[in-house]
Amino acid sequence: MKTLKLKIATFSIAIASLGVIGSSCNSLTKTQKGTAIGAGAGGTIGAIIGKAAGNTALGAIIGGAVGGTAGAFIGRNMDRQAAEIKQTVPGATVIREGEGILVKFDSGILFDTNKSDLKAAARTNLQNLAASLVNNPQTNILIVGHTDSTGGDALNMALSIRRAEAVKAFIAAANVASSRLTTSGKGESEPIADNTTVDGQAQNRRVEIVIVANEQMKSQARTAQ
């Protein structure tokens, strides 16, 4: 049921976004139309992010978007950074969508079962990710922890929060400004796969790191139009 609700919610956001784009196209230049359509249909929103991320990650990326040619400027910056992360952080799944980047780690890569202490191998991945974040300072970062549905709701929520905070603490110690970092623990509330299967549970145990433009980059993007 939770998975079905997530799919419905994500699809609704996609339809709403496309509706806004369609209603405003008459006032846009050709360049802006192409950018708006690309942002709305890029990955068909629900097809990629709605499946590969949860509502929180999706909302952060959609909510931070500016659209138009400014959005295209931001998108080019994100393209470059996403390529850098893919090359330097082999333990992560990197998804470029709209005006943001989603970096997803299966929890097994970062933590032992029911633990929130980072594994030694995880530190290498996060150190490389932090280096990219330092090299690209005009972004804000949201770190979201998720669990599967085994165990109680309260325990899962607490574990997801501790894991998100552990990743934040490590990245902050690697010279990423704490003011850029926020965390969220979602427990078992945002599954991306079937919790009744072992494989589905493994997919649901994850940490998502969402990278979006900060106000400085947005201001620069608007000036560059």
N, C-alpha and C. Protein backbone atom coordinates (compact mmCIF):
# COMPACT_ATOMS: atom_id res chain seq x y z
N MET A 1 0.82 -1.21 0.00
CA MET A 1 0.00 0.00 0.00
C MET A 1 0.86 1.26 0.00
N LYS A 2 1.94 1.25 0.83
CA LYS A 2 2.81 2.42 0.88
C LYS A 2 3.44 2.69 -0.47
N THR A 3 3.87 1.60 -1.15
CA THR A 3 4.50 1.76 -2.46
C THR A 3 3.51 2.31 -3.46
N LEU A 4 2.25 1.82 -3.41
CA LEU A 4 1.22 2.30 -4.32
C LEU A 4 0.95 3.78 -4.10
N LYS A 5 0.86 4.20 -2.83
CA LYS A 5 0.63 5.61 -2.53
C LYS A 5 1.76 6.48 -3.04
N LEU A 6 3.00 5.99 -2.90
CA LEU A 6 4.15 6.74 -3.38
C LEU A 6 4.10 6.91 -4.89
N LYS A 7 3.73 5.83 -5.60
CA LYS A 7 3.65 5.90 -7.06
C LYS A 7 2.58 6.89 -7.49
N ILE A 8 1.42 6.85 -6.80
CA ILE A 8 0.33 7.78 -7.14
C ILE A 8 0.75 9.22 -6.89
N ALA A 9 1.38 9.46 -5.74
CA ALA A 9 1.81 10.82 -5.41
C ALA A 9 2.83 11.34 -6.40
N THR A 10 3.79 10.50 -6.76
CA THR A 10 4.83 10.92 -7.70
C THR A 10 4.24 11.22 -9.07
N PHE A 11 3.31 10.34 -9.52
CA PHE A 11 2.68 10.56 -10.82
C PHE A 11 1.88 11.85 -10.82
N SER A 12 1.21 12.14 -9.70
CA SER A 12 0.43 13.37 -9.61
C SER A 12 1.31 14.60 -9.71
N ILE A 13 2.48 14.55 -9.06
CA ILE A 13 3.42 15.67 -9.14
C ILE A 13 3.88 15.86 -10.58
N ALA A 14 4.16 14.76 -11.26
CA ALA A 14 4.60 14.84 -12.65
C ALA A 14 3.56 15.49 -13.52
N ILE A 15 2.28 15.06 -13.38
CA ILE A 15 1.20 15.63 -14.18
C ILE A 15 1.02 17.10 -13.87
N ALA A 16 1.08 17.45 -12.58
CA ALA A 16 0.93 18.86 -12.19
C ALA A 16 2.04 19.71 -12.79
N SER A 17 3.28 19.18 -12.75
CA SER A 17 4.42 19.93 -13.28
C SER A 17 4.26 20.16 -14.76
N LEU A 18 3.83 19.13 -15.48
CA LEU A 18 3.65 19.27 -16.93
C LEU A 18 2.52 20.23 -17.24
N GLY A 19 1.48 20.25 -16.36
CA GLY A 19 0.38 21.17 -16.57
C GLY A 19 0.83 22.61 -16.44
N VAL A 20 1.67 22.90 -15.44
CA VAL A 20 2.20 24.25 -15.26
C VAL A 20 3.02 24.66 -16.46
N ILE A 21 3.85 23.72 -16.95
CA ILE A 21 4.69 24.02 -18.12
C ILE A 21 3.83 24.36 -19.32
N GLY A 22 2.76 23.53 -19.52
CA GLY A 22 1.92 23.76 -20.69
C GLY A 22 1.20 25.08 -20.64
N SER A 23 0.73 25.46 -19.44
CA SER A 23 -0.04 26.70 -19.32
C SER A 23 0.82 27.94 -19.49
N SER A 24 2.13 27.83 -19.29
CA SER A 24 2.98 29.01 -19.34
C SER A 24 3.80 29.10 -20.62
N CYS A 25 3.69 28.10 -21.51
CA CYS A 25 4.56 28.06 -22.68
C CYS A 25 4.36 29.22 -23.62
N ASN A 26 3.14 29.77 -23.67
CA ASN A 26 2.88 30.84 -24.62
C ASN A 26 3.73 32.07 -24.35
N SER A 27 4.15 32.27 -23.11
CA SER A 27 4.91 33.46 -22.76
C SER A 27 6.41 33.23 -22.79
N LEU A 28 6.85 32.03 -23.17
CA LEU A 28 8.26 31.70 -23.14
C LEU A 28 8.89 31.82 -24.53
N THR A 29 10.19 32.11 -24.54
CA THR A 29 10.93 32.06 -25.79
C THR A 29 11.13 30.60 -26.19
N LYS A 30 11.64 30.36 -27.41
CA LYS A 30 11.89 29.00 -27.85
C LYS A 30 12.89 28.30 -26.93
N THR A 31 13.91 29.06 -26.53
CA THR A 31 14.91 28.47 -25.63
C THR A 31 14.28 28.09 -24.31
N GLN A 32 13.45 28.96 -23.76
CA GLN A 32 12.80 28.69 -22.48
C GLN A 32 11.81 27.54 -22.59
N LYS A 33 11.09 27.47 -23.73
CA LYS A 33 10.16 26.35 -23.92
C LYS A 33 10.91 25.03 -23.89
N GLY A 34 12.00 24.98 -24.61
CA GLY A 34 12.78 23.75 -24.65
C GLY A 34 13.31 23.38 -23.28
N THR A 35 13.76 24.39 -22.56
CA THR A 35 14.27 24.14 -21.21
C THR A 35 13.17 23.67 -20.28
N ALA A 36 12.00 24.33 -20.33
CA ALA A 36 10.90 23.95 -19.46
C ALA A 36 10.41 22.55 -19.76
N ILE A 37 10.25 22.24 -21.05
CA ILE A 37 9.79 20.91 -21.43
C ILE A 37 10.81 19.87 -21.02
N GLY A 38 12.08 20.19 -21.21
CA GLY A 38 13.13 19.25 -20.82
C GLY A 38 13.14 19.01 -19.33
N ALA A 39 12.93 20.07 -18.55
CA ALA A 39 12.92 19.91 -17.09
C ALA A 39 11.72 19.10 -16.64
N GLY A 40 10.57 19.31 -17.31
CA GLY A 40 9.37 18.60 -16.89
C GLY A 40 9.37 17.15 -17.31
N ALA A 41 9.90 16.87 -18.51
CA ALA A 41 9.86 15.51 -19.02
C ALA A 41 11.17 14.78 -18.85
N GLY A 42 12.20 15.47 -18.32
CA GLY A 42 13.51 14.85 -18.19
C GLY A 42 13.44 13.66 -17.27
N GLY A 43 13.47 12.47 -17.84
CA GLY A 43 13.31 11.26 -17.05
C GLY A 43 11.85 10.95 -16.79
N THR A 44 10.94 11.73 -17.40
CA THR A 44 9.51 11.63 -17.14
C THR A 44 9.22 11.68 -15.65
N ILE A 45 10.04 12.44 -14.94
CA ILE A 45 9.97 12.66 -13.49
C ILE A 45 9.60 11.38 -12.73
N GLY A 46 8.38 10.89 -12.91
CA GLY A 46 7.99 9.71 -12.15
C GLY A 46 8.75 8.47 -12.54
N ALA A 47 9.16 8.35 -13.79
CA ALA A 47 9.81 7.12 -14.25
C ALA A 47 11.16 6.90 -13.62
N ILE A 48 11.92 7.99 -13.42
CA ILE A 48 13.26 7.83 -12.86
C ILE A 48 13.27 8.17 -11.38
N ILE A 49 12.99 9.42 -11.04
CA ILE A 49 13.11 9.81 -9.63
C ILE A 49 12.02 9.16 -8.79
N GLY A 50 10.80 9.12 -9.28
CA GLY A 50 9.74 8.52 -8.49
C GLY A 50 10.01 7.07 -8.15
N LYS A 51 10.76 6.38 -9.01
CA LYS A 51 11.09 4.98 -8.75
C LYS A 51 12.39 4.84 -8.00
N ALA A 52 13.40 5.63 -8.36
CA ALA A 52 14.73 5.46 -7.78
C ALA A 52 14.93 6.25 -6.50
N ALA A 53 14.04 7.19 -6.21
CA ALA A 53 14.14 7.97 -4.97
C ALA A 53 12.79 7.98 -4.30
N GLY A 54 12.74 8.52 -3.10
CA GLY A 54 11.48 8.63 -2.41
C GLY A 54 10.90 10.02 -2.55
N ASN A 55 9.76 10.24 -1.92
CA ASN A 55 9.10 11.54 -2.01
C ASN A 55 9.97 12.69 -1.52
N THR A 56 10.75 12.46 -0.48
CA THR A 56 11.55 13.53 0.09
C THR A 56 12.60 14.02 -0.90
N ALA A 57 13.30 13.10 -1.53
CA ALA A 57 14.31 13.47 -2.53
C ALA A 57 13.67 14.14 -3.72
N LEU A 58 12.56 13.60 -4.18
CA LEU A 58 11.83 14.18 -5.32
C LEU A 58 11.40 15.60 -4.99
N GLY A 59 10.82 15.80 -3.81
CA GLY A 59 10.36 17.12 -3.43
C GLY A 59 11.47 18.13 -3.33
N ALA A 60 12.64 17.70 -2.85
CA ALA A 60 13.77 18.62 -2.72
C ALA A 60 14.23 19.11 -4.08
N ILE A 61 14.24 18.22 -5.06
CA ILE A 61 14.71 18.60 -6.40
C ILE A 61 13.66 19.46 -7.11
N ILE A 62 12.41 19.05 -7.07
CA ILE A 62 11.36 19.83 -7.73
C ILE A 62 11.18 21.18 -7.02
N GLY A 63 11.19 21.16 -5.69
CA GLY A 63 10.97 22.38 -4.94
C GLY A 63 12.06 23.41 -5.11
N GLY A 64 13.28 22.95 -5.43
CA GLY A 64 14.39 23.88 -5.60
C GLY A 64 14.58 24.38 -7.01
N ALA A 65 13.76 23.91 -7.95
CA ALA A 65 13.96 24.26 -9.36
C ALA A 65 13.52 25.69 -9.64
N VAL A 66 14.24 26.36 -10.56
CA VAL A 66 13.87 27.71 -10.97
C VAL A 66 13.33 27.74 -12.39
N GLY A 67 13.69 26.74 -13.22
CA GLY A 67 13.16 26.65 -14.57
C GLY A 67 13.75 27.65 -15.54
N GLY A 68 13.24 27.65 -16.76
CA GLY A 68 13.67 28.59 -17.79
C GLY A 68 15.14 28.45 -18.13
N THR A 69 15.71 29.50 -18.70
CA THR A 69 17.12 29.46 -19.08
C THR A 69 18.02 29.44 -17.85
N ALA A 70 17.55 30.00 -16.74
CA ALA A 70 18.33 29.90 -15.49
C ALA A 70 18.44 28.44 -15.07
N GLY A 71 17.36 27.71 -15.23
CA GLY A 71 17.38 26.29 -14.92
C GLY A 71 18.34 25.52 -15.81
N ALA A 72 18.42 25.93 -17.07
CA ALA A 72 19.36 25.28 -18.00
C ALA A 72 20.80 25.53 -17.57
N PHE A 73 21.09 26.75 -17.10
CA PHE A 73 22.42 27.08 -16.59
C PHE A 73 22.76 26.20 -15.41
N ILE A 74 21.83 26.06 -14.47
CA ILE A 74 22.04 25.21 -13.30
C ILE A 74 22.23 23.76 -13.74
N GLY A 75 21.41 23.34 -14.69
CA GLY A 75 21.51 21.96 -15.17
C GLY A 75 22.87 21.62 -15.74
N ARG A 76 23.47 22.56 -16.44
CA ARG A 76 24.81 22.31 -16.99
C ARG A 76 25.84 22.14 -15.88
N ASN A 77 25.72 22.95 -14.83
CA ASN A 77 26.61 22.78 -13.68
C ASN A 77 26.41 21.42 -13.03
N MET A 78 25.15 20.99 -12.92
CA MET A 78 24.85 19.70 -12.31
C MET A 78 25.34 18.55 -13.19
N ASP A 79 25.25 18.71 -14.50
CA ASP A 79 25.77 17.68 -15.41
C ASP A 79 27.24 17.43 -15.14
N ARG A 80 27.97 18.53 -15.01
CA ARG A 80 29.42 18.43 -14.79
C ARG A 80 29.73 17.76 -13.46
N GLN A 81 29.03 18.18 -12.41
CA GLN A 81 29.30 17.60 -11.10
C GLN A 81 28.88 16.14 -11.03
N ALA A 82 27.75 15.81 -11.64
CA ALA A 82 27.30 14.41 -11.64
C ALA A 82 28.32 13.51 -12.32
N ALA A 83 28.88 13.98 -13.43
CA ALA A 83 29.90 13.19 -14.13
C ALA A 83 31.13 13.00 -13.24
N GLU A 84 31.49 14.04 -12.50
CA GLU A 84 32.64 13.96 -11.59
C GLU A 84 32.38 12.93 -10.49
N ILE A 85 31.17 12.95 -9.92
CA ILE A 85 30.84 12.02 -8.84
C ILE A 85 30.80 10.58 -9.36
N LYS A 86 30.24 10.38 -10.54
CA LYS A 86 30.21 9.03 -11.11
C LYS A 86 31.61 8.46 -11.27
N GLN A 87 32.55 9.32 -11.63
CA GLN A 87 33.92 8.87 -11.86
C GLN A 87 34.66 8.61 -10.56
N THR A 88 34.38 9.39 -9.53
CA THR A 88 35.20 9.32 -8.31
C THR A 88 34.54 8.55 -7.16
N VAL A 89 33.24 8.26 -7.27
CA VAL A 89 32.54 7.55 -6.19
C VAL A 89 31.88 6.30 -6.77
N PRO A 90 32.66 5.26 -7.02
CA PRO A 90 32.12 4.07 -7.68
C PRO A 90 31.09 3.31 -6.85
N GLY A 91 31.04 3.54 -5.54
CA GLY A 91 30.08 2.83 -4.71
C GLY A 91 28.69 3.43 -4.72
N ALA A 92 28.49 4.52 -5.45
CA ALA A 92 27.20 5.21 -5.43
C ALA A 92 26.46 5.07 -6.75
N THR A 93 25.15 5.17 -6.68
CA THR A 93 24.31 5.33 -7.86
C THR A 93 24.03 6.82 -8.02
N VAL A 94 24.38 7.39 -9.17
CA VAL A 94 24.24 8.83 -9.40
C VAL A 94 23.16 9.06 -10.44
N ILE A 95 22.14 9.82 -10.08
CA ILE A 95 21.02 10.11 -10.98
C ILE A 95 20.94 11.62 -11.18
N ARG A 96 21.00 12.06 -12.44
CA ARG A 96 20.84 13.48 -12.78
C ARG A 96 19.40 13.70 -13.20
N GLU A 97 18.74 14.61 -12.53
CA GLU A 97 17.33 14.84 -12.84
C GLU A 97 16.99 16.30 -12.65
N GLY A 98 16.35 16.91 -13.66
CA GLY A 98 15.94 18.30 -13.54
C GLY A 98 17.13 19.19 -13.21
N GLU A 99 17.05 19.91 -12.11
CA GLU A 99 18.12 20.83 -11.69
C GLU A 99 18.87 20.30 -10.46
N GLY A 100 18.83 18.99 -10.27
CA GLY A 100 19.49 18.42 -9.10
C GLY A 100 20.21 17.12 -9.40
N ILE A 101 20.87 16.61 -8.38
CA ILE A 101 21.58 15.33 -8.46
C ILE A 101 21.15 14.50 -7.26
N LEU A 102 20.88 13.23 -7.51
CA LEU A 102 20.65 12.28 -6.43
C LEU A 102 21.81 11.29 -6.39
N VAL A 103 22.46 11.21 -5.25
CA VAL A 103 23.52 10.23 -5.03
C VAL A 103 22.98 9.23 -4.02
N LYS A 104 22.86 7.97 -4.43
CA LYS A 104 22.22 6.96 -3.58
C LYS A 104 23.22 5.88 -3.22
N PHE A 105 23.29 5.58 -1.93
CA PHE A 105 24.10 4.48 -1.42
C PHE A 105 23.18 3.42 -0.81
N ASP A 106 23.35 2.16 -1.21
CA ASP A 106 22.70 1.09 -0.46
C ASP A 106 23.28 1.09 0.94
N SER A 107 22.44 0.90 1.95
CA SER A 107 22.92 0.97 3.33
C SER A 107 24.02 -0.04 3.61
N GLY A 108 23.97 -1.19 2.92
CA GLY A 108 24.99 -2.22 3.12
C GLY A 108 26.38 -1.75 2.75
N ILE A 109 26.48 -0.76 1.87
CA ILE A 109 27.78 -0.21 1.49
C ILE A 109 28.34 0.65 2.62
N LEU A 110 27.45 1.32 3.35
CA LEU A 110 27.88 2.28 4.36
C LEU A 110 27.91 1.71 5.77
N PHE A 111 26.96 0.81 6.09
CA PHE A 111 26.76 0.39 7.47
C PHE A 111 26.59 -1.12 7.57
N ASP A 112 26.95 -1.67 8.72
CA ASP A 112 26.57 -3.04 9.05
C ASP A 112 25.10 -3.06 9.45
N THR A 113 24.49 -4.26 9.47
CA THR A 113 23.08 -4.40 9.80
C THR A 113 22.76 -3.79 11.17
N ASN A 114 21.74 -2.95 11.18
CA ASN A 114 21.24 -2.30 12.40
C ASN A 114 22.27 -1.39 13.07
N LYS A 115 23.30 -0.97 12.34
CA LYS A 115 24.34 -0.10 12.89
C LYS A 115 24.31 1.25 12.19
N SER A 116 24.88 2.25 12.86
CA SER A 116 25.00 3.58 12.24
C SER A 116 26.45 4.05 12.23
N ASP A 117 27.39 3.16 12.55
CA ASP A 117 28.81 3.48 12.43
C ASP A 117 29.27 3.19 11.01
N LEU A 118 29.92 4.16 10.38
CA LEU A 118 30.33 3.99 8.99
C LEU A 118 31.40 2.91 8.86
N LYS A 119 31.26 2.07 7.83
CA LYS A 119 32.28 1.08 7.52
C LYS A 119 33.53 1.78 6.99
N ALA A 120 34.66 1.09 7.06
CA ALA A 120 35.91 1.66 6.55
C ALA A 120 35.81 1.96 5.06
N ALA A 121 35.23 1.03 4.30
CA ALA A 121 35.10 1.23 2.84
C ALA A 121 34.19 2.41 2.53
N ALA A 122 33.19 2.62 3.38
CA ALA A 122 32.26 3.74 3.16
C ALA A 122 32.98 5.07 3.27
N ARG A 123 33.98 5.14 4.12
CA ARG A 123 34.69 6.39 4.33
C ARG A 123 35.40 6.85 3.06
N THR A 124 35.91 5.91 2.29
CA THR A 124 36.57 6.29 1.03
C THR A 124 35.56 6.90 0.06
N ASN A 125 34.40 6.24 -0.07
CA ASN A 125 33.36 6.77 -0.95
C ASN A 125 32.91 8.16 -0.52
N LEU A 126 32.67 8.33 0.77
CA LEU A 126 32.18 9.61 1.27
C LEU A 126 33.25 10.69 1.22
N GLN A 127 34.51 10.30 1.41
CA GLN A 127 35.60 11.26 1.29
C GLN A 127 35.67 11.82 -0.12
N ASN A 128 35.52 10.93 -1.11
CA ASN A 128 35.54 11.38 -2.51
C ASN A 128 34.33 12.23 -2.84
N LEU A 129 33.19 11.86 -2.29
CA LEU A 129 31.99 12.68 -2.50
C LEU A 129 32.18 14.06 -1.87
N ALA A 130 32.73 14.09 -0.67
CA ALA A 130 32.96 15.36 0.00
C ALA A 130 33.89 16.26 -0.80
N ALA A 131 34.90 15.66 -1.43
CA ALA A 131 35.83 16.45 -2.25
C ALA A 131 35.08 17.14 -3.39
N SER A 132 34.13 16.44 -4.00
CA SER A 132 33.34 17.05 -5.07
C SER A 132 32.46 18.16 -4.52
N LEU A 133 31.90 17.96 -3.34
CA LEU A 133 31.05 18.98 -2.73
C LEU A 133 31.86 20.23 -2.38
N VAL A 134 33.09 20.03 -1.93
CA VAL A 134 33.98 21.17 -1.64
C VAL A 134 34.32 21.92 -2.93
N ASN A 135 34.54 21.17 -4.00
CA ASN A 135 34.89 21.78 -5.29
C ASN A 135 33.72 22.49 -5.95
N ASN A 136 32.52 22.22 -5.48
CA ASN A 136 31.31 22.83 -6.04
C ASN A 136 30.51 23.45 -4.89
N PRO A 137 30.95 24.59 -4.39
CA PRO A 137 30.40 25.14 -3.15
C PRO A 137 29.02 25.79 -3.28
N GLN A 138 28.54 26.00 -4.50
CA GLN A 138 27.27 26.71 -4.67
C GLN A 138 26.08 25.76 -4.66
N THR A 139 26.10 24.81 -3.74
CA THR A 139 25.00 23.85 -3.64
C THR A 139 24.63 23.63 -2.18
N ASN A 140 23.40 23.17 -1.99
CA ASN A 140 22.93 22.69 -0.69
C ASN A 140 22.73 21.19 -0.78
N ILE A 141 22.90 20.50 0.34
CA ILE A 141 22.88 19.05 0.34
C ILE A 141 21.90 18.55 1.40
N LEU A 142 20.99 17.69 0.98
CA LEU A 142 20.05 17.03 1.88
C LEU A 142 20.42 15.55 1.96
N ILE A 143 20.57 15.04 3.18
CA ILE A 143 20.94 13.64 3.39
C ILE A 143 19.74 12.94 4.02
N VAL A 144 19.23 11.90 3.35
CA VAL A 144 18.00 11.23 3.78
C VAL A 144 18.29 9.75 4.06
N GLY A 145 17.97 9.30 5.27
CA GLY A 145 18.13 7.90 5.63
C GLY A 145 16.82 7.14 5.49
N HIS A 146 16.91 5.88 5.02
CA HIS A 146 15.73 5.03 4.83
C HIS A 146 16.03 3.62 5.35
N THR A 147 15.00 2.91 5.78
CA THR A 147 15.13 1.52 6.18
C THR A 147 14.08 0.67 5.45
N ASP A 148 14.19 -0.65 5.62
CA ASP A 148 13.11 -1.52 5.17
C ASP A 148 12.05 -1.59 6.26
N SER A 149 11.07 -2.49 6.11
CA SER A 149 9.95 -2.52 7.05
C SER A 149 10.13 -3.53 8.17
N THR A 150 11.27 -4.23 8.20
CA THR A 150 11.49 -5.16 9.30
C THR A 150 11.81 -4.38 10.57
N GLY A 151 11.31 -4.88 11.71
CA GLY A 151 11.50 -4.15 12.95
C GLY A 151 10.36 -3.16 13.16
N GLY A 152 10.36 -2.49 14.30
CA GLY A 152 9.30 -1.55 14.62
C GLY A 152 9.49 -0.21 13.96
N ASP A 153 8.39 0.52 13.81
CA ASP A 153 8.43 1.85 13.19
C ASP A 153 9.38 2.79 13.92
N ALA A 154 9.29 2.83 15.24
CA ALA A 154 10.10 3.76 16.02
C ALA A 154 11.59 3.43 15.88
N LEU A 155 11.93 2.14 15.93
CA LEU A 155 13.33 1.74 15.79
C LEU A 155 13.86 2.08 14.40
N ASN A 156 13.04 1.84 13.38
CA ASN A 156 13.46 2.14 12.01
C ASN A 156 13.65 3.64 11.81
N MET A 157 12.76 4.44 12.38
CA MET A 157 12.89 5.89 12.25
C MET A 157 14.18 6.36 12.92
N ALA A 158 14.42 5.87 14.14
CA ALA A 158 15.62 6.29 14.87
C ALA A 158 16.88 5.87 14.13
N LEU A 159 16.89 4.65 13.57
CA LEU A 159 18.06 4.17 12.83
C LEU A 159 18.30 5.02 11.59
N SER A 160 17.24 5.37 10.86
CA SER A 160 17.41 6.17 9.64
C SER A 160 17.96 7.55 9.97
N ILE A 161 17.53 8.12 11.10
CA ILE A 161 18.03 9.43 11.51
C ILE A 161 19.51 9.35 11.88
N ARG A 162 19.87 8.32 12.66
CA ARG A 162 21.27 8.17 13.07
C ARG A 162 22.18 7.99 11.87
N ARG A 163 21.73 7.24 10.89
CA ARG A 163 22.56 7.01 9.70
C ARG A 163 22.73 8.29 8.89
N ALA A 164 21.65 9.04 8.73
CA ALA A 164 21.76 10.32 8.01
C ALA A 164 22.70 11.27 8.74
N GLU A 165 22.60 11.29 10.06
CA GLU A 165 23.47 12.17 10.86
C GLU A 165 24.92 11.72 10.81
N ALA A 166 25.16 10.40 10.73
CA ALA A 166 26.53 9.89 10.63
C ALA A 166 27.18 10.32 9.32
N VAL A 167 26.40 10.27 8.23
CA VAL A 167 26.92 10.71 6.94
C VAL A 167 27.18 12.21 6.97
N LYS A 168 26.26 12.98 7.55
CA LYS A 168 26.46 14.43 7.65
C LYS A 168 27.73 14.76 8.43
N ALA A 169 27.91 14.09 9.57
CA ALA A 169 29.08 14.38 10.41
C ALA A 169 30.38 14.09 9.67
N PHE A 170 30.40 12.99 8.91
CA PHE A 170 31.63 12.65 8.18
C PHE A 170 31.91 13.67 7.09
N ILE A 171 30.88 14.04 6.34
CA ILE A 171 31.06 15.00 5.25
C ILE A 171 31.47 16.37 5.80
N ALA A 172 30.86 16.77 6.91
CA ALA A 172 31.22 18.05 7.52
C ALA A 172 32.67 18.04 7.99
N ALA A 173 33.12 16.90 8.52
CA ALA A 173 34.51 16.79 8.97
C ALA A 173 35.49 16.83 7.79
N ALA A 174 34.96 16.58 6.58
CA ALA A 174 35.80 16.62 5.37
C ALA A 174 35.72 17.99 4.70
N ASN A 175 35.44 19.02 5.50
CA ASN A 175 35.50 20.43 5.06
C ASN A 175 34.32 20.91 4.23
N VAL A 176 33.20 20.19 4.27
CA VAL A 176 31.97 20.70 3.67
C VAL A 176 31.24 21.49 4.76
N ALA A 177 30.92 22.75 4.48
CA ALA A 177 30.31 23.63 5.48
C ALA A 177 29.01 23.03 6.01
N SER A 178 28.89 22.98 7.33
CA SER A 178 27.69 22.42 7.95
C SER A 178 26.43 23.18 7.55
N SER A 179 26.58 24.47 7.24
CA SER A 179 25.43 25.27 6.85
C SER A 179 24.80 24.79 5.54
N ARG A 180 25.55 24.02 4.76
CA ARG A 180 25.04 23.48 3.50
C ARG A 180 24.30 22.17 3.70
N LEU A 181 24.42 21.56 4.87
CA LEU A 181 23.97 20.19 5.10
C LEU A 181 22.72 20.13 5.97
N THR A 182 21.72 19.39 5.51
CA THR A 182 20.56 19.09 6.34
C THR A 182 20.30 17.59 6.25
N THR A 183 19.61 17.06 7.26
CA THR A 183 19.33 15.62 7.28
C THR A 183 17.85 15.38 7.49
N SER A 184 17.44 14.17 7.10
CA SER A 184 16.07 13.73 7.32
C SER A 184 16.08 12.21 7.45
N GLY A 185 15.39 11.70 8.44
CA GLY A 185 15.22 10.26 8.58
C GLY A 185 13.79 9.88 8.25
N LYS A 186 13.59 8.95 7.35
CA LYS A 186 12.25 8.58 6.90
C LYS A 186 11.84 7.18 7.34
N GLY A 187 12.74 6.47 8.04
CA GLY A 187 12.40 5.13 8.47
C GLY A 187 11.99 4.26 7.31
N GLU A 188 10.85 3.59 7.45
CA GLU A 188 10.35 2.68 6.41
C GLU A 188 9.26 3.33 5.55
N SER A 189 9.06 4.65 5.70
CA SER A 189 7.88 5.31 5.12
C SER A 189 7.97 5.58 3.63
N GLU A 190 9.15 5.46 3.01
CA GLU A 190 9.29 5.78 1.59
C GLU A 190 9.98 4.64 0.84
N PRO A 191 9.32 3.49 0.75
CA PRO A 191 9.93 2.36 0.04
C PRO A 191 10.00 2.60 -1.46
N ILE A 192 11.02 2.03 -2.09
CA ILE A 192 11.13 2.09 -3.55
C ILE A 192 10.99 0.70 -4.17
N ALA A 193 10.81 -0.31 -3.32
CA ALA A 193 10.69 -1.68 -3.78
C ALA A 193 9.80 -2.45 -2.81
N ASP A 194 9.51 -3.70 -3.15
CA ASP A 194 8.60 -4.54 -2.39
C ASP A 194 9.26 -5.03 -1.10
N ASN A 195 8.73 -4.62 0.02
CA ASN A 195 9.31 -5.01 1.31
C ASN A 195 9.04 -6.46 1.69
N THR A 196 8.25 -7.18 0.89
CA THR A 196 7.99 -8.58 1.19
C THR A 196 9.05 -9.50 0.61
N THR A 197 10.01 -8.95 -0.15
CA THR A 197 11.09 -9.76 -0.73
C THR A 197 12.42 -9.31 -0.16
N VAL A 198 13.39 -10.23 -0.13
CA VAL A 198 14.72 -9.90 0.37
C VAL A 198 15.37 -8.84 -0.50
N ASP A 199 15.24 -8.97 -1.82
CA ASP A 199 15.84 -7.99 -2.73
C ASP A 199 15.19 -6.62 -2.55
N GLY A 200 13.87 -6.61 -2.39
CA GLY A 200 13.18 -5.34 -2.19
C GLY A 200 13.60 -4.66 -0.90
N GLN A 201 13.74 -5.44 0.15
CA GLN A 201 14.18 -4.87 1.42
C GLN A 201 15.57 -4.26 1.30
N ALA A 202 16.45 -4.94 0.57
CA ALA A 202 17.82 -4.43 0.37
C ALA A 202 17.80 -3.10 -0.35
N GLN A 203 16.92 -2.95 -1.34
CA GLN A 203 16.82 -1.69 -2.08
C GLN A 203 16.28 -0.57 -1.18
N ASN A 204 15.38 -0.92 -0.29
CA ASN A 204 14.77 0.10 0.57
C ASN A 204 15.72 0.60 1.65
N ARG A 205 16.70 -0.21 2.03
CA ARG A 205 17.71 0.23 3.01
C ARG A 205 18.75 1.06 2.27
N ARG A 206 18.68 2.37 2.40
CA ARG A 206 19.52 3.23 1.57
C ARG A 206 19.71 4.59 2.23
N VAL A 207 20.72 5.30 1.78
CA VAL A 207 20.92 6.70 2.13
C VAL A 207 20.97 7.49 0.84
N GLU A 208 20.15 8.53 0.75
CA GLU A 208 20.09 9.38 -0.44
C GLU A 208 20.68 10.74 -0.13
N ILE A 209 21.52 11.22 -1.02
CA ILE A 209 22.12 12.55 -0.87
C ILE A 209 21.67 13.40 -2.05
N VAL A 210 20.89 14.41 -1.77
CA VAL A 210 20.31 15.26 -2.81
C VAL A 210 21.11 16.56 -2.89
N ILE A 211 21.55 16.90 -4.08
CA ILE A 211 22.36 18.10 -4.31
C ILE A 211 21.55 19.06 -5.19
N VAL A 212 21.32 20.27 -4.69
CA VAL A 212 20.57 21.28 -5.44
C VAL A 212 21.30 22.62 -5.37
N ALA A 213 20.96 23.50 -6.27
CA ALA A 213 21.59 24.83 -6.31
C ALA A 213 21.23 25.63 -5.07
N ASN A 214 22.21 26.37 -4.53
CA ASN A 214 21.90 27.31 -3.45
C ASN A 214 21.51 28.66 -4.04
N GLU A 215 21.22 29.62 -3.21
CA GLU A 215 20.74 30.92 -3.71
C GLU A 215 21.81 31.64 -4.52
N GLN A 216 23.07 31.43 -4.18
CA GLN A 216 24.14 32.08 -4.94
C GLN A 216 24.18 31.57 -6.38
N MET A 217 24.05 30.24 -6.56
CA MET A 217 24.05 29.71 -7.92
C MET A 217 22.80 30.15 -8.67
N LYS A 218 21.66 30.19 -7.98
CA LYS A 218 20.43 30.61 -8.63
C LYS A 218 20.53 32.06 -9.09
N SER A 219 21.10 32.91 -8.25
CA SER A 219 21.29 34.32 -8.61
C SER A 219 22.22 34.44 -9.81
N GLN A 220 23.30 33.68 -9.80
CA GLN A 220 24.23 33.70 -10.92
C GLN A 220 23.55 33.21 -12.18
N ALA A 221 22.71 32.20 -12.06
CA ALA A 221 22.01 31.65 -13.23
C ALA A 221 21.04 32.68 -13.81
N ARG A 222 20.36 33.40 -12.96
CA ARG A 222 19.42 34.42 -13.46
C ARG A 222 20.16 35.56 -14.15
N THR A 223 21.31 35.93 -13.62
CA THR A 223 22.11 36.99 -14.23
C THR A 223 22.65 36.58 -15.57
N ALA A 224 22.93 35.28 -15.74
CA ALA A 224 23.52 34.76 -16.96
C ALA A 224 22.51 34.64 -18.09
N GLN A 225 21.22 34.83 -17.82
CA GLN A 225 20.20 34.66 -18.86
C GLN A 225 20.37 35.68 -19.98
